[in-house]
Amino acid sequence: MAEIVNLNRARKTRARAVATEKAAANRAAHGRTKAERLRDAEEKARRDALLNGARLEHGPDKSGPG
């Protein structure tokens, strides 16, 4: 004989599993503290400043192509 399955219970169990996976993904994406976000923003600003400082700019008044 086949096992009797309550479809409502199976549907709710599946929905719970999907919600758990979605919650884990959201925690990974948004679960950082304010200090971590600020540290990352400062690090990105420092990297950008370093790259912009090393940028070579060629214009009509400078020698080089352009």
Protein backbone atom coordinates (compact mmCIF):
# COMPACT_ATOMS: atom_id res chain seq x y z
CA MET A 1 0.00 0.00 0.00
CA ALA A 2 1.04 3.55 -0.62
CA GLU A 3 1.70 5.94 2.18
CA ILE A 4 -0.99 8.58 2.68
CA VAL A 5 0.42 12.09 2.27
CA ASN A 6 -1.25 15.23 3.52
CA LEU A 7 -0.79 17.61 0.59
CA ASN A 8 -1.31 20.74 2.68
CA ARG A 9 1.42 19.65 5.09
CA ALA A 10 3.79 18.81 2.21
CA ARG A 11 3.11 22.18 0.57
CA LYS A 12 3.79 24.04 3.83
CA THR A 13 6.99 22.08 4.42
CA ARG A 14 8.24 22.90 0.94
CA ALA A 15 7.33 26.60 1.39
CA ARG A 16 9.19 26.65 4.71
CA ALA A 17 12.30 25.21 3.07
CA VAL A 18 12.19 27.83 0.30
CA ALA A 19 11.72 30.61 2.85
CA THR A 20 14.69 29.32 4.87
CA GLU A 21 16.92 29.35 1.79
CA LYS A 22 15.79 32.86 0.87
CA ALA A 23 16.43 34.07 4.44
CA ALA A 24 19.95 32.62 4.36
CA ALA A 25 20.67 34.42 1.08
CA ASN A 26 19.33 37.71 2.50
CA ARG A 27 21.45 37.33 5.64
CA ALA A 28 24.53 36.85 3.48
CA ALA A 29 23.72 39.87 1.33
CA HIS A 30 22.43 42.31 3.96
CA GLY A 31 23.60 40.96 7.29
CA ARG A 32 26.65 43.15 7.73
CA THR A 33 27.14 45.59 10.55
CA LYS A 34 27.40 49.32 10.00
CA ALA A 35 31.08 49.21 10.94
CA GLU A 36 31.75 46.56 8.27
CA ARG A 37 29.94 48.60 5.62
CA LEU A 38 31.86 51.78 6.60
CA ARG A 39 35.18 49.91 6.58
CA ASP A 40 34.48 48.54 3.10
CA ALA A 41 33.43 51.99 1.83
CA GLU A 42 36.62 53.57 3.20
CA GLU A 43 38.73 50.82 1.66
CA LYS A 44 37.04 51.33 -1.71
CA ALA A 45 37.57 55.11 -1.49
CA ARG A 46 41.27 54.55 -0.69
CA ARG A 47 41.65 52.18 -3.67
CA ASP A 48 39.87 54.62 -5.99
CA ALA A 49 42.04 57.51 -4.81
CA LEU A 50 45.19 55.46 -5.41
CA LEU A 51 44.07 54.51 -8.89
CA ASN A 52 43.00 58.05 -9.77
CA GLY A 53 46.31 59.41 -8.51
CA ALA A 54 48.22 57.04 -10.79
CA ARG A 55 46.07 57.82 -13.83
CA LEU A 56 47.84 59.27 -16.84
CA GLU A 57 45.90 62.08 -18.43
CA HIS A 58 46.64 63.09 -22.00
CA GLY A 59 45.00 66.22 -23.25
CA PRO A 60 45.54 68.75 -26.04
CA ASP A 61 48.11 70.70 -23.99
CA LYS A 62 50.14 67.64 -22.92
CA SER A 63 52.41 65.53 -25.02
CA GLY A 64 51.10 62.18 -26.11
CA PRO A 65 48.19 60.83 -28.07
CA GLY A 66 44.97 62.68 -27.75
